[in-house]
Amino acid sequence: MPSLEVITLSVNSVSTLEPVSRCRQLSELYLRGNLIPSLAELSHLKGLPRLRVLWLAENPCCGPDPHLYRMTVLRTLPQLQTLDNQTVTEEEVSRALTEGEEITAPSREGTGNGQPEMSYTLSTVNTTSETQGDPMSYSEEASSVQGQLSPKPPAQDPFPSFSQREAVSSRKNRSNVLSAILLLLRDLDPAGLEAVHQTVVSRLQALHKQEDME
Protein backbone atom coordinates (compact mmCIF):
# COMPACT_ATOMS: atom_id res chain seq x y z
CA MET A 1 0.00 0.00 0.00
CA PRO A 2 2.78 2.58 0.66
CA SER A 3 3.74 2.50 -3.05
CA LEU A 4 0.29 3.37 -4.43
CA GLU A 5 0.24 6.45 -6.65
CA VAL A 6 -3.47 6.70 -7.57
CA ILE A 7 -6.36 5.75 -5.28
CA THR A 8 -10.06 6.02 -5.99
CA LEU A 9 -12.51 5.49 -3.15
CA SER A 10 -15.47 7.42 -4.50
CA VAL A 11 -18.88 6.42 -3.13
CA ASN A 12 -17.47 3.96 -0.59
CA SER A 13 -18.73 5.28 2.80
CA VAL A 14 -15.22 6.37 3.77
CA SER A 15 -15.20 8.34 7.03
CA THR A 16 -11.49 8.70 7.83
CA LEU A 17 -8.34 9.42 5.84
CA GLU A 18 -5.87 8.05 8.38
CA PRO A 19 -5.08 4.87 6.36
CA VAL A 20 -4.24 7.00 3.31
CA SER A 21 -1.50 8.77 5.26
CA ARG A 22 0.71 5.69 4.79
CA CYS A 23 0.74 6.05 1.00
CA ARG A 24 3.84 8.20 0.70
CA GLN A 25 3.97 7.99 -3.12
CA LEU A 26 0.34 9.05 -3.61
CA SER A 27 -0.24 11.68 -6.30
CA GLU A 28 -3.99 11.39 -7.01
CA LEU A 29 -6.81 10.75 -4.53
CA TYR A 30 -10.51 10.50 -5.43
CA LEU A 31 -12.94 10.62 -2.49
CA ARG A 32 -16.13 12.00 -4.02
CA GLY A 33 -19.42 11.06 -2.36
CA ASN A 34 -18.20 9.63 0.94
CA LEU A 35 -18.83 10.31 4.64
CA ILE A 36 -15.79 12.38 5.62
CA PRO A 37 -17.21 14.50 8.47
CA SER A 38 -14.64 17.27 8.82
CA LEU A 39 -11.85 19.02 6.96
CA ALA A 40 -9.69 18.15 9.95
CA GLU A 41 -9.22 14.80 8.21
CA LEU A 42 -6.99 16.62 5.72
CA SER A 43 -4.29 16.64 8.38
CA HIS A 44 -3.65 13.01 7.41
CA LEU A 45 -2.72 14.17 3.91
CA LYS A 46 -0.16 16.78 4.94
CA GLY A 47 2.60 14.18 4.91
CA LEU A 48 2.03 13.27 1.24
CA PRO A 49 4.44 15.54 -0.66
CA ARG A 50 3.52 14.17 -4.10
CA LEU A 51 -0.24 14.67 -3.81
CA ARG A 52 -1.37 16.83 -6.73
CA VAL A 53 -4.98 15.84 -7.44
CA LEU A 54 -7.76 15.66 -4.84
CA TRP A 55 -11.49 15.14 -5.39
CA LEU A 56 -13.42 15.69 -2.16
CA ALA A 57 -16.80 16.98 -3.37
CA GLU A 58 -20.08 15.61 -2.01
CA ASN A 59 -18.73 14.92 1.47
CA PRO A 60 -20.19 16.36 4.70
CA CYS A 61 -16.89 18.15 5.30
CA CYS A 62 -17.53 20.43 2.30
CA GLY A 63 -20.11 22.39 4.31
CA PRO A 64 -22.53 25.07 3.04
CA ASP A 65 -19.85 27.58 1.93
CA PRO A 66 -18.04 26.35 -1.24
CA HIS A 67 -15.54 29.24 -1.16
CA LEU A 68 -14.52 28.69 2.45
CA TYR A 69 -14.24 24.96 1.80
CA ARG A 70 -11.94 25.43 -1.20
CA MET A 71 -9.77 28.04 0.53
CA THR A 72 -9.39 25.83 3.62
CA VAL A 73 -8.37 22.82 1.54
CA LEU A 74 -5.78 24.85 -0.41
CA ARG A 75 -4.40 26.39 2.76
CA THR A 76 -3.92 22.92 4.18
CA LEU A 77 -2.61 21.36 0.95
CA PRO A 78 -1.05 24.20 -1.10
CA GLN A 79 0.78 21.74 -3.37
CA LEU A 80 -2.49 20.67 -5.05
CA GLN A 81 -2.79 21.34 -8.77
CA THR A 82 -6.40 20.13 -9.16
CA LEU A 83 -9.20 20.20 -6.57
CA ASP A 84 -12.62 18.70 -7.35
CA ASN A 85 -11.79 18.54 -11.06
CA GLN A 86 -10.95 22.26 -11.18
CA THR A 87 -7.45 23.57 -11.77
CA VAL A 88 -5.86 25.37 -8.82
CA THR A 89 -4.38 28.78 -9.63
CA GLU A 90 -1.48 30.55 -7.92
CA GLU A 91 -3.87 33.34 -6.98
CA GLU A 92 -6.14 30.88 -5.15
CA VAL A 93 -3.22 29.46 -3.20
CA SER A 94 -2.17 32.99 -2.14
CA ARG A 95 -5.71 33.93 -1.09
CA ALA A 96 -6.10 30.67 0.80
CA LEU A 97 -3.44 31.81 3.27
CA THR A 98 -5.79 34.50 4.55
CA GLU A 99 -9.26 33.30 3.55
CA GLY A 100 -8.92 29.65 4.48
CA GLU A 101 -9.25 28.24 7.99
CA GLU A 102 -6.44 26.50 9.82
CA ILE A 103 -7.29 22.92 10.70
CA THR A 104 -6.20 20.73 13.58
CA ALA A 105 -5.78 16.97 13.65
CA PRO A 106 -9.05 15.12 14.39
CA SER A 107 -9.52 13.35 17.70
CA ARG A 108 -9.67 9.54 17.54
CA GLU A 109 -11.17 8.42 20.81
CA GLY A 110 -13.07 5.28 21.54
CA THR A 111 -11.29 3.03 19.08
CA GLY A 112 -9.83 0.71 21.68
CA ASN A 113 -6.18 0.66 20.70
CA GLY A 114 -5.97 4.33 19.73
CA GLN A 115 -5.92 3.55 15.99
CA PRO A 116 -8.89 4.27 13.72
CA GLU A 117 -10.67 1.32 12.27
CA MET A 118 -10.14 0.73 8.55
CA SER A 119 -13.55 0.01 7.11
CA TYR A 120 -12.60 0.14 3.45
CA THR A 121 -10.07 -1.30 1.07
CA LEU A 122 -7.64 0.82 -0.91
CA SER A 123 -7.48 0.01 -4.59
CA THR A 124 -6.09 1.51 -7.78
CA VAL A 125 -8.54 1.76 -10.69
CA ASN A 126 -9.08 3.62 -13.91
CA THR A 127 -9.83 7.25 -13.06
CA THR A 128 -11.14 8.43 -16.43
CA SER A 129 -14.66 9.14 -15.12
CA GLU A 130 -13.17 11.25 -12.28
CA THR A 131 -10.74 13.34 -14.30
CA GLN A 132 -12.88 14.23 -17.30
CA GLY A 133 -16.08 16.18 -17.82
CA ASP A 134 -17.99 18.77 -15.82
CA PRO A 135 -17.88 18.05 -12.05
CA MET A 136 -21.66 18.36 -11.85
CA SER A 137 -22.38 15.91 -14.66
CA TYR A 138 -20.36 12.77 -14.19
CA SER A 139 -21.60 9.23 -13.94
CA GLU A 140 -21.55 7.34 -10.66
CA GLU A 141 -18.83 4.75 -10.20
CA ALA A 142 -19.65 1.30 -9.07
CA SER A 143 -18.48 0.97 -5.47
CA SER A 144 -17.99 -2.74 -5.68
CA VAL A 145 -18.14 -5.59 -8.13
CA GLN A 146 -19.86 -8.72 -6.92
CA GLY A 147 -19.34 -11.97 -8.74
CA GLN A 148 -21.96 -14.70 -8.79
CA LEU A 149 -20.58 -18.16 -8.34
CA SER A 150 -22.77 -21.09 -9.33
CA PRO A 151 -22.54 -24.27 -7.23
CA LYS A 152 -19.94 -26.66 -8.52
CA PRO A 153 -20.75 -30.36 -8.91
CA PRO A 154 -18.91 -32.63 -6.52
CA ALA A 155 -15.47 -33.46 -7.81
CA GLN A 156 -14.98 -36.96 -9.10
CA ASP A 157 -12.07 -39.05 -7.94
CA PRO A 158 -9.59 -39.03 -10.82
CA PHE A 159 -8.25 -42.38 -9.61
CA PRO A 160 -10.60 -45.40 -9.82
CA SER A 161 -10.98 -47.67 -6.82
CA PHE A 162 -8.99 -50.90 -6.50
CA SER A 163 -11.97 -53.05 -7.52
CA GLN A 164 -12.49 -50.94 -10.65
CA ARG A 165 -8.84 -51.22 -11.62
CA GLU A 166 -8.94 -54.98 -11.00
CA ALA A 167 -11.99 -55.44 -13.23
CA VAL A 168 -10.44 -53.43 -16.04
CA SER A 169 -7.19 -55.38 -15.76
CA SER A 170 -9.07 -58.71 -15.84
CA ARG A 171 -10.94 -57.78 -19.01
CA LYS A 172 -7.71 -56.74 -20.70
CA ASN A 173 -6.02 -60.03 -19.72
CA ARG A 174 -8.86 -62.14 -21.13
CA SER A 175 -8.79 -60.17 -24.33
CA ASN A 176 -5.03 -60.66 -24.66
CA VAL A 177 -5.28 -64.43 -24.00
CA LEU A 178 -8.04 -64.84 -26.58
CA SER A 179 -6.05 -62.92 -29.19
CA ALA A 180 -3.01 -65.12 -28.53
CA ILE A 181 -5.05 -68.34 -28.87
CA LEU A 182 -6.58 -67.23 -32.15
CA LEU A 183 -3.15 -66.45 -33.54
CA LEU A 184 -1.83 -69.86 -32.50
CA LEU A 185 -4.76 -71.68 -34.15
CA ARG A 186 -3.58 -70.43 -37.53
CA ASP A 187 -0.39 -72.46 -37.23
CA LEU A 188 -1.97 -75.78 -36.09
CA ASP A 189 -2.46 -78.79 -38.37
CA PRO A 190 -5.71 -80.82 -38.39
CA ALA A 191 -4.53 -83.07 -35.56
CA GLY A 192 -3.68 -80.10 -33.44
CA LEU A 193 -6.99 -78.42 -34.15
CA GLU A 194 -8.82 -81.64 -33.23
CA ALA A 195 -6.99 -81.73 -29.90
CA VAL A 196 -7.92 -78.11 -29.23
CA HIS A 197 -11.52 -78.86 -30.16
CA GLN A 198 -11.72 -81.75 -27.70
CA THR A 199 -10.19 -79.60 -24.97
CA VAL A 200 -12.67 -76.79 -25.60
CA VAL A 201 -15.63 -79.19 -25.53
CA SER A 202 -14.45 -80.70 -22.24
CA ARG A 203 -13.94 -77.26 -20.73
CA LEU A 204 -17.40 -76.12 -21.77
CA GLN A 205 -19.02 -79.23 -20.29
CA ALA A 206 -17.21 -78.68 -17.00
CA LEU A 207 -18.35 -75.05 -16.87
CA HIS A 208 -21.96 -76.00 -17.60
CA LYS A 209 -21.91 -78.59 -14.79
CA GLN A 210 -20.50 -76.00 -12.42
CA GLU A 211 -23.29 -73.57 -13.30
CA ASP A 212 -25.94 -76.27 -12.77
CA MET A 213 -24.54 -77.02 -9.30
CA GLU A 214 -24.70 -73.36 -8.30
C-alpha atoms as a PDB file:
ATOM      1  CA  MET A   1       0.000   0.000   0.000  1.00  0.00           C
ATOM      2  CA  PRO A   2       2.776   2.577   0.656  1.00  0.00           C
ATOM      3  CA  SER A   3       3.738   2.501  -3.046  1.00  0.00           C
ATOM      4  CA  LEU A   4       0.290   3.373  -4.430  1.00  0.00           C
ATOM      5  CA  GLU A   5       0.239   6.452  -6.648  1.00  0.00           C
ATOM      6  CA  VAL A   6      -3.466   6.699  -7.570  1.00  0.00           C
ATOM      7  CA  ILE A   7      -6.357   5.755  -5.282  1.00  0.00           C
ATOM      8  CA  THR A   8     -10.064   6.023  -5.989  1.00  0.00           C
ATOM      9  CA  LEU A   9     -12.509   5.493  -3.145  1.00  0.00           C
ATOM     10  CA  SER A  10     -15.475   7.423  -4.503  1.00  0.00           C
ATOM     11  CA  VAL A  11     -18.885   6.417  -3.130  1.00  0.00           C
ATOM     12  CA  ASN A  12     -17.475   3.960  -0.586  1.00  0.00           C
ATOM     13  CA  SER A  13     -18.725   5.281   2.798  1.00  0.00           C
ATOM     14  CA  VAL A  14     -15.217   6.368   3.771  1.00  0.00           C
ATOM     15  CA  SER A  15     -15.202   8.339   7.031  1.00  0.00           C
ATOM     16  CA  THR A  16     -11.491   8.703   7.825  1.00  0.00           C
ATOM     17  CA  LEU A  17      -8.341   9.425   5.838  1.00  0.00           C
ATOM     18  CA  GLU A  18      -5.874   8.047   8.377  1.00  0.00           C
ATOM     19  CA  PRO A  19      -5.083   4.869   6.361  1.00  0.00           C
ATOM     20  CA  VAL A  20      -4.244   6.995   3.314  1.00  0.00           C
ATOM     21  CA  SER A  21      -1.504   8.766   5.262  1.00  0.00           C
ATOM     22  CA  ARG A  22       0.707   5.685   4.793  1.00  0.00           C
ATOM     23  CA  CYS A  23       0.741   6.046   0.998  1.00  0.00           C
ATOM     24  CA  ARG A  24       3.844   8.203   0.701  1.00  0.00           C
ATOM     25  CA  GLN A  25       3.967   7.992  -3.115  1.00  0.00           C
ATOM     26  CA  LEU A  26       0.337   9.050  -3.612  1.00  0.00           C
ATOM     27  CA  SER A  27      -0.239  11.678  -6.303  1.00  0.00           C
ATOM     28  CA  GLU A  28      -3.987  11.388  -7.011  1.00  0.00           C
ATOM     29  CA  LEU A  29      -6.809  10.745  -4.529  1.00  0.00           C
ATOM     30  CA  TYR A  30     -10.509  10.497  -5.427  1.00  0.00           C
ATOM     31  CA  LEU A  31     -12.938  10.616  -2.490  1.00  0.00           C
ATOM     32  CA  ARG A  32     -16.130  11.998  -4.017  1.00  0.00           C
ATOM     33  CA  GLY A  33     -19.425  11.060  -2.364  1.00  0.00           C
ATOM     34  CA  ASN A  34     -18.203   9.626   0.939  1.00  0.00           C
ATOM     35  CA  LEU A  35     -18.827  10.308   4.642  1.00  0.00           C
ATOM     36  CA  ILE A  36     -15.789  12.377   5.624  1.00  0.00           C
ATOM     37  CA  PRO A  37     -17.209  14.497   8.473  1.00  0.00           C
ATOM     38  CA  SER A  38     -14.640  17.268   8.824  1.00  0.00           C
ATOM     39  CA  LEU A  39     -11.851  19.018   6.957  1.00  0.00           C
ATOM     40  CA  ALA A  40      -9.694  18.148   9.947  1.00  0.00           C
ATOM     41  CA  GLU A  41      -9.222  14.797   8.211  1.00  0.00           C
ATOM     42  CA  LEU A  42      -6.989  16.624   5.717  1.00  0.00           C
ATOM     43  CA  SER A  43      -4.288  16.644   8.381  1.00  0.00           C
ATOM     44  CA  HIS A  44      -3.648  13.015   7.411  1.00  0.00           C
ATOM     45  CA  LEU A  45      -2.723  14.174   3.907  1.00  0.00           C
ATOM     46  CA  LYS A  46      -0.156  16.778   4.945  1.00  0.00           C
ATOM     47  CA  GLY A  47       2.595  14.183   4.912  1.00  0.00           C
ATOM     48  CA  LEU A  48       2.027  13.269   1.240  1.00  0.00           C
ATOM     49  CA  PRO A  49       4.438  15.540  -0.660  1.00  0.00           C
ATOM     50  CA  ARG A  50       3.519  14.174  -4.103  1.00  0.00           C
ATOM     51  CA  LEU A  51      -0.237  14.670  -3.812  1.00  0.00           C
ATOM     52  CA  ARG A  52      -1.369  16.830  -6.727  1.00  0.00           C
ATOM     53  CA  VAL A  53      -4.982  15.838  -7.436  1.00  0.00           C
ATOM     54  CA  LEU A  54      -7.761  15.657  -4.835  1.00  0.00           C
ATOM     55  CA  TRP A  55     -11.495  15.141  -5.391  1.00  0.00           C
ATOM     56  CA  LEU A  56     -13.415  15.692  -2.156  1.00  0.00           C
ATOM     57  CA  ALA A  57     -16.796  16.982  -3.369  1.00  0.00           C
ATOM     58  CA  GLU A  58     -20.083  15.615  -2.011  1.00  0.00           C
ATOM     59  CA  ASN A  59     -18.735  14.922   1.466  1.00  0.00           C
ATOM     60  CA  PRO A  60     -20.186  16.360   4.698  1.00  0.00           C
ATOM     61  CA  CYS A  61     -16.887  18.152   5.301  1.00  0.00           C
ATOM     62  CA  CYS A  62     -17.528  20.429   2.302  1.00  0.00           C
ATOM     63  CA  GLY A  63     -20.109  22.388   4.312  1.00  0.00           C
ATOM     64  CA  PRO A  64     -22.526  25.072   3.044  1.00  0.00           C
ATOM     65  CA  ASP A  65     -19.845  27.577   1.928  1.00  0.00           C
ATOM     66  CA  PRO A  66     -18.038  26.351  -1.241  1.00  0.00           C
ATOM     67  CA  HIS A  67     -15.542  29.237  -1.162  1.00  0.00           C
ATOM     68  CA  LEU A  68     -14.522  28.693   2.452  1.00  0.00           C
ATOM     69  CA  TYR A  69     -14.245  24.960   1.803  1.00  0.00           C
ATOM     70  CA  ARG A  70     -11.940  25.434  -1.196  1.00  0.00           C
ATOM     71  CA  MET A  71      -9.770  28.035   0.534  1.00  0.00           C
ATOM     72  CA  THR A  72      -9.385  25.831   3.615  1.00  0.00           C
ATOM     73  CA  VAL A  73      -8.365  22.818   1.544  1.00  0.00           C
ATOM     74  CA  LEU A  74      -5.784  24.847  -0.410  1.00  0.00           C
ATOM     75  CA  ARG A  75      -4.405  26.390   2.764  1.00  0.00           C
ATOM     76  CA  THR A  76      -3.917  22.916   4.178  1.00  0.00           C
ATOM     77  CA  LEU A  77      -2.612  21.359   0.949  1.00  0.00           C
ATOM     78  CA  PRO A  78      -1.054  24.195  -1.097  1.00  0.00           C
ATOM     79  CA  GLN A  79       0.781  21.738  -3.371  1.00  0.00           C
ATOM     80  CA  LEU A  80      -2.495  20.666  -5.045  1.00  0.00           C
ATOM     81  CA  GLN A  81      -2.791  21.341  -8.768  1.00  0.00           C
ATOM     82  CA  THR A  82      -6.401  20.134  -9.158  1.00  0.00           C
ATOM     83  CA  LEU A  83      -9.203  20.199  -6.568  1.00  0.00           C
ATOM     84  CA  ASP A  84     -12.619  18.695  -7.351  1.00  0.00           C
ATOM     85  CA  ASN A  85     -11.786  18.538 -11.061  1.00  0.00           C
ATOM     86  CA  GLN A  86     -10.955  22.257 -11.178  1.00  0.00           C
ATOM     87  CA  THR A  87      -7.445  23.575 -11.768  1.00  0.00           C
ATOM     88  CA  VAL A  88      -5.861  25.371  -8.818  1.00  0.00           C
ATOM     89  CA  THR A  89      -4.381  28.781  -9.625  1.00  0.00           C
ATOM     90  CA  GLU A  90      -1.483  30.548  -7.923  1.00  0.00           C
ATOM     91  CA  GLU A  91      -3.871  33.341  -6.975  1.00  0.00           C
ATOM     92  CA  GLU A  92      -6.135  30.877  -5.149  1.00  0.00           C
ATOM     93  CA  VAL A  93      -3.215  29.462  -3.198  1.00  0.00           C
ATOM     94  CA  SER A  94      -2.166  32.993  -2.144  1.00  0.00           C
ATOM     95  CA  ARG A  95      -5.709  33.928  -1.094  1.00  0.00           C
ATOM     96  CA  ALA A  96      -6.098  30.672   0.800  1.00  0.00           C
ATOM     97  CA  LEU A  97      -3.439  31.805   3.273  1.00  0.00           C
ATOM     98  CA  THR A  98      -5.790  34.499   4.546  1.00  0.00           C
ATOM     99  CA  GLU A  99      -9.262  33.297   3.551  1.00  0.00           C
ATOM    100  CA  GLY A 100      -8.920  29.648   4.478  1.00  0.00           C
ATOM    101  CA  GLU A 101      -9.247  28.245   7.986  1.00  0.00           C
ATOM    102  CA  GLU A 102      -6.444  26.503   9.818  1.00  0.00           C
ATOM    103  CA  ILE A 103      -7.291  22.920  10.703  1.00  0.00           C
ATOM    104  CA  THR A 104      -6.197  20.729  13.579  1.00  0.00           C
ATOM    105  CA  ALA A 105      -5.781  16.966  13.652  1.00  0.00           C
ATOM    106  CA  PRO A 106      -9.046  15.115  14.385  1.00  0.00           C
ATOM    107  CA  SER A 107      -9.522  13.348  17.700  1.00  0.00           C
ATOM    108  CA  ARG A 108      -9.671   9.541  17.540  1.00  0.00           C
ATOM    109  CA  GLU A 109     -11.169   8.423  20.812  1.00  0.00           C
ATOM    110  CA  GLY A 110     -13.070   5.282  21.537  1.00  0.00           C
ATOM    111  CA  THR A 111     -11.293   3.033  19.079  1.00  0.00           C
ATOM    112  CA  GLY A 112      -9.825   0.708  21.684  1.00  0.00           C
ATOM    113  CA  ASN A 113      -6.178   0.663  20.702  1.00  0.00           C
ATOM    114  CA  GLY A 114      -5.968   4.326  19.729  1.00  0.00           C
ATOM    115  CA  GLN A 115      -5.922   3.547  15.990  1.00  0.00           C
ATOM    116  CA  PRO A 116      -8.889   4.270  13.716  1.00  0.00           C
ATOM    117  CA  GLU A 117     -10.670   1.316  12.268  1.00  0.00           C
ATOM    118  CA  MET A 118     -10.137   0.732   8.554  1.00  0.00           C
ATOM    119  CA  SER A 119     -13.550   0.010   7.112  1.00  0.00           C
ATOM    120  CA  TYR A 120     -12.605   0.138   3.454  1.00  0.00           C
ATOM    121  CA  THR A 121     -10.066  -1.297   1.071  1.00  0.00           C
ATOM    122  CA  LEU A 122      -7.638   0.816  -0.910  1.00  0.00           C
ATOM    123  CA  SER A 123      -7.481   0.014  -4.591  1.00  0.00           C
ATOM    124  CA  THR A 124      -6.093   1.510  -7.777  1.00  0.00           C
ATOM    125  CA  VAL A 125      -8.540   1.760 -10.686  1.00  0.00           C
ATOM    126  CA  ASN A 126      -9.080   3.621 -13.911  1.00  0.00           C
ATOM    127  CA  THR A 127      -9.831   7.252 -13.058  1.00  0.00           C
ATOM    128  CA  THR A 128     -11.138   8.434 -16.425  1.00  0.00           C
ATOM    129  CA  SER A 129     -14.662   9.142 -15.121  1.00  0.00           C
ATOM    130  CA  GLU A 130     -13.168  11.245 -12.284  1.00  0.00           C
ATOM    131  CA  THR A 131     -10.740  13.338 -14.298  1.00  0.00           C
ATOM    132  CA  GLN A 132     -12.877  14.232 -17.299  1.00  0.00           C
ATOM    133  CA  GLY A 133     -16.076  16.181 -17.820  1.00  0.00           C
ATOM    134  CA  ASP A 134     -17.992  18.772 -15.823  1.00  0.00           C
ATOM    135  CA  PRO A 135     -17.880  18.051 -12.052  1.00  0.00           C
ATOM    136  CA  MET A 136     -21.661  18.360 -11.852  1.00  0.00           C
ATOM    137  CA  SER A 137     -22.384  15.908 -14.663  1.00  0.00           C
ATOM    138  CA  TYR A 138     -20.358  12.767 -14.186  1.00  0.00           C
ATOM    139  CA  SER A 139     -21.599   9.231 -13.936  1.00  0.00           C
ATOM    140  CA  GLU A 140     -21.552   7.339 -10.664  1.00  0.00           C
ATOM    141  CA  GLU A 141     -18.829   4.753 -10.195  1.00  0.00           C
ATOM    142  CA  ALA A 142     -19.652   1.301  -9.070  1.00  0.00           C
ATOM    143  CA  SER A 143     -18.476   0.969  -5.467  1.00  0.00           C
ATOM    144  CA  SER A 144     -17.990  -2.738  -5.680  1.00  0.00           C
ATOM    145  CA  VAL A 145     -18.141  -5.591  -8.129  1.00  0.00           C
ATOM    146  CA  GLN A 146     -19.865  -8.724  -6.917  1.00  0.00           C
ATOM    147  CA  GLY A 147     -19.336 -11.972  -8.744  1.00  0.00           C
ATOM    148  CA  GLN A 148     -21.956 -14.699  -8.787  1.00  0.00           C
ATOM    149  CA  LEU A 149     -20.585 -18.163  -8.341  1.00  0.00           C
ATOM    150  CA  SER A 150     -22.769 -21.089  -9.327  1.00  0.00           C
ATOM    151  CA  PRO A 151     -22.543 -24.268  -7.231  1.00  0.00           C
ATOM    152  CA  LYS A 152     -19.936 -26.658  -8.522  1.00  0.00           C
ATOM    153  CA  PRO A 153     -20.753 -30.355  -8.914  1.00  0.00           C
ATOM    154  CA  PRO A 154     -18.907 -32.627  -6.522  1.00  0.00           C
ATOM    155  CA  ALA A 155     -15.471 -33.460  -7.806  1.00  0.00           C
ATOM    156  CA  GLN A 156     -14.981 -36.962  -9.095  1.00  0.00           C
ATOM    157  CA  ASP A 157     -12.073 -39.049  -7.938  1.00  0.00           C
ATOM    158  CA  PRO A 158      -9.589 -39.033 -10.822  1.00  0.00           C
ATOM    159  CA  PHE A 159      -8.248 -42.385  -9.606  1.00  0.00           C
ATOM    160  CA  PRO A 160     -10.596 -45.405  -9.817  1.00  0.00           C
ATOM    161  CA  SER A 161     -10.978 -47.672  -6.824  1.00  0.00           C
ATOM    162  CA  PHE A 162      -8.991 -50.903  -6.498  1.00  0.00           C
ATOM    163  CA  SER A 163     -11.970 -53.054  -7.521  1.00  0.00           C
ATOM    164  CA  GLN A 164     -12.493 -50.941 -10.645  1.00  0.00           C
ATOM    165  CA  ARG A 165      -8.843 -51.223 -11.617  1.00  0.00           C
ATOM    166  CA  GLU A 166      -8.936 -54.980 -11.002  1.00  0.00           C
ATOM    167  CA  ALA A 167     -11.993 -55.443 -13.230  1.00  0.00           C
ATOM    168  CA  VAL A 168     -10.438 -53.434 -16.043  1.00  0.00           C
ATOM    169  CA  SER A 169      -7.194 -55.385 -15.760  1.00  0.00           C
ATOM    170  CA  SER A 170      -9.075 -58.711 -15.838  1.00  0.00           C
ATOM    171  CA  ARG A 171     -10.940 -57.777 -19.010  1.00  0.00           C
ATOM    172  CA  LYS A 172      -7.710 -56.737 -20.695  1.00  0.00           C
ATOM    173  CA  ASN A 173      -6.023 -60.026 -19.723  1.00  0.00           C
ATOM    174  CA  ARG A 174      -8.856 -62.137 -21.126  1.00  0.00           C
ATOM    175  CA  SER A 175      -8.792 -60.168 -24.327  1.00  0.00           C
ATOM    176  CA  ASN A 176      -5.032 -60.660 -24.662  1.00  0.00           C
ATOM    177  CA  VAL A 177      -5.279 -64.426 -24.005  1.00  0.00           C
ATOM    178  CA  LEU A 178      -8.043 -64.838 -26.577  1.00  0.00           C
ATOM    179  CA  SER A 179      -6.048 -62.920 -29.186  1.00  0.00           C
ATOM    180  CA  ALA A 180      -3.006 -65.116 -28.528  1.00  0.00           C
ATOM    181  CA  ILE A 181      -5.053 -68.338 -28.874  1.00  0.00           C
ATOM    182  CA  LEU A 182      -6.584 -67.225 -32.153  1.00  0.00           C
ATOM    183  CA  LEU A 183      -3.150 -66.445 -33.539  1.00  0.00           C
ATOM    184  CA  LEU A 184      -1.828 -69.855 -32.499  1.00  0.00           C
ATOM    185  CA  LEU A 185      -4.758 -71.679 -34.151  1.00  0.00           C
ATOM    186  CA  ARG A 186      -3.584 -70.426 -37.527  1.00  0.00           C
ATOM    187  CA  ASP A 187      -0.389 -72.460 -37.228  1.00  0.00           C
ATOM    188  CA  LEU A 188      -1.971 -75.781 -36.094  1.00  0.00           C
ATOM    189  CA  ASP A 189      -2.461 -78.786 -38.368  1.00  0.00           C
ATOM    190  CA  PRO A 190      -5.708 -80.824 -38.392  1.00  0.00           C
ATOM    191  CA  ALA A 191      -4.533 -83.070 -35.561  1.00  0.00           C
ATOM    192  CA  GLY A 192      -3.679 -80.097 -33.440  1.00  0.00           C
ATOM    193  CA  LEU A 193      -6.991 -78.420 -34.154  1.00  0.00           C
ATOM    194  CA  GLU A 194      -8.824 -81.639 -33.229  1.00  0.00           C
ATOM    195  CA  ALA A 195      -6.994 -81.728 -29.901  1.00  0.00           C
ATOM    196  CA  VAL A 196      -7.919 -78.115 -29.227  1.00  0.00           C
ATOM    197  CA  HIS A 197     -11.517 -78.855 -30.163  1.00  0.00           C
ATOM    198  CA  GLN A 198     -11.720 -81.749 -27.696  1.00  0.00           C
ATOM    199  CA  THR A 199     -10.187 -79.596 -24.969  1.00  0.00           C
ATOM    200  CA  VAL A 200     -12.669 -76.785 -25.600  1.00  0.00           C
ATOM    201  CA  VAL A 201     -15.630 -79.189 -25.530  1.00  0.00           C
ATOM    202  CA  SER A 202     -14.451 -80.702 -22.245  1.00  0.00           C
ATOM    203  CA  ARG A 203     -13.940 -77.260 -20.727  1.00  0.00           C
ATOM    204  CA  LEU A 204     -17.403 -76.116 -21.768  1.00  0.00           C
ATOM    205  CA  GLN A 205     -19.024 -79.226 -20.290  1.00  0.00           C
ATOM    206  CA  ALA A 206     -17.211 -78.679 -17.005  1.00  0.00           C
ATOM    207  CA  LEU A 207     -18.348 -75.054 -16.875  1.00  0.00           C
ATOM    208  CA  HIS A 208     -21.964 -76.001 -17.595  1.00  0.00           C
ATOM    209  CA  LYS A 209     -21.907 -78.588 -14.794  1.00  0.00           C
ATOM    210  CA  GLN A 210     -20.496 -76.002 -12.416  1.00  0.00           C
ATOM    211  CA  GLU A 211     -23.293 -73.575 -13.299  1.00  0.00           C
ATOM    212  CA  ASP A 212     -25.943 -76.272 -12.768  1.00  0.00           C
ATOM    213  CA  MET A 213     -24.535 -77.025  -9.303  1.00  0.00           C
ATOM    214  CA  GLU A 214     -24.703 -73.363  -8.304  1.00  0.00           C
END
